[in-house]
Protein backbone atom coordinates (compact mmCIF):
# COMPACT_ATOMS: atom_id res chain seq x y z
CA UNK A 1 14.62 35.22 -97.08
CA UNK A 2 16.17 32.60 -99.59
CA UNK A 3 16.86 29.39 -98.50
CA UNK A 4 19.98 27.57 -100.13
CA UNK A 5 22.63 25.12 -99.82
CA UNK A 6 26.48 25.60 -100.06
CA UNK A 7 27.17 22.12 -101.50
CA UNK A 8 30.78 22.32 -101.51
CA UNK A 9 31.17 23.93 -98.01
CA UNK A 10 29.06 21.97 -96.49
CA UNK A 11 29.87 18.45 -97.96
CA UNK A 12 33.60 19.14 -96.56
CA UNK A 13 32.75 19.97 -93.45
CA UNK A 14 29.92 17.27 -93.02
CA UNK A 15 31.85 14.62 -94.05
CA UNK A 16 34.47 15.01 -91.53
CA UNK A 17 34.02 12.35 -88.62
CA UNK A 18 34.15 15.38 -86.02
CA UNK A 19 32.98 18.82 -87.30
CA UNK A 20 35.19 21.72 -85.58
CA UNK A 21 33.24 24.70 -83.89
CA UNK A 22 35.44 26.57 -86.73
CA UNK A 23 34.03 24.97 -89.36
CA UNK A 24 30.65 25.61 -88.44
CA UNK A 25 31.50 28.76 -87.46
CA UNK A 26 32.61 29.54 -91.08
CA UNK A 27 29.49 27.69 -92.43
CA UNK A 28 27.36 30.19 -90.21
CA UNK A 29 29.45 33.33 -92.08
CA UNK A 30 28.92 31.78 -95.50
CA UNK A 31 25.01 31.72 -94.93
CA UNK A 32 25.06 35.09 -93.23
CA UNK A 33 26.79 36.77 -96.02
CA UNK A 34 25.65 34.71 -99.11
CA UNK A 35 28.43 35.16 -101.25
CA UNK A 36 27.03 35.18 -104.77
CA UNK A 37 23.90 34.12 -103.67
CA UNK A 38 21.31 35.84 -100.86
CA UNK A 39 22.12 35.63 -97.26
CA UNK A 40 19.94 33.01 -95.40
CA UNK A 41 20.14 34.02 -91.71
CA UNK A 42 17.77 31.06 -90.29
CA UNK A 43 20.66 28.85 -91.78
CA UNK A 44 23.18 31.19 -90.24
CA UNK A 45 21.95 31.00 -87.34
CA UNK A 46 21.28 27.27 -87.06
CA UNK A 47 25.33 27.11 -87.95
CA UNK A 48 26.26 29.80 -85.41
CA UNK A 49 24.65 28.21 -82.62
CA UNK A 50 26.26 24.79 -83.41
CA UNK A 51 29.77 26.71 -83.89
CA UNK A 52 28.68 27.96 -80.18
CA UNK A 53 28.02 24.50 -78.90
CA UNK A 54 31.58 23.33 -79.96
CA UNK A 55 33.15 26.14 -77.95
CA UNK A 56 33.31 28.89 -80.80
CA UNK A 57 32.84 31.98 -78.38
CA UNK A 58 32.63 34.37 -81.76
CA UNK A 59 29.48 32.67 -82.88
CA UNK A 60 27.62 33.67 -79.66
CA UNK A 61 27.83 37.31 -80.79
CA UNK A 62 27.07 36.47 -84.29
CA UNK A 63 23.94 34.07 -83.73
CA UNK A 64 22.76 37.23 -81.27
CA UNK A 65 22.91 39.78 -84.12
CA UNK A 66 21.52 37.60 -86.09
CA UNK A 67 18.50 36.78 -84.14
CA UNK A 68 17.63 40.63 -83.74
CA UNK A 69 16.52 40.49 -87.29
CA UNK A 70 15.04 37.34 -87.23
CA UNK A 71 11.25 36.54 -86.27
CA UNK A 72 10.56 34.45 -83.19
CA UNK A 73 9.25 31.80 -85.80
CA UNK A 74 12.31 32.04 -87.72
CA UNK A 75 14.85 31.41 -84.46
CA UNK A 76 12.11 28.44 -83.89
CA UNK A 77 13.33 27.04 -86.98
CA UNK A 78 16.65 27.72 -86.65
CA UNK A 79 17.08 26.00 -83.53
CA UNK A 80 14.76 23.17 -84.38
CA UNK A 81 17.18 22.78 -87.34
CA UNK A 82 20.23 22.81 -85.39
CA UNK A 83 18.49 20.14 -82.72
CA UNK A 84 17.98 18.13 -86.23
CA UNK A 85 21.70 18.21 -87.13
CA UNK A 86 22.78 17.13 -83.74
CA UNK A 87 20.63 14.10 -83.73
CA UNK A 88 22.00 13.35 -87.02
CA UNK A 89 25.42 13.60 -86.35
């Protein structure tokens, strides 16, 4: 599974004082589909998890679907990344 960054999308979202559930959800979509790059389901899970915490109910379903494709170690890594992100923001 590829690990990559969506620089301009993340920078736009992360440059905001408060990042909405909608913006975090969009990052989850970007990472889960990959666009012109391979999908990164671990990062997608992280962003959907954060979007769910910000009240985006659709993110729960997407996170669950992605979790079905990940190993326990990958889910653990995604959850840790979400916790780390929350600690920094």
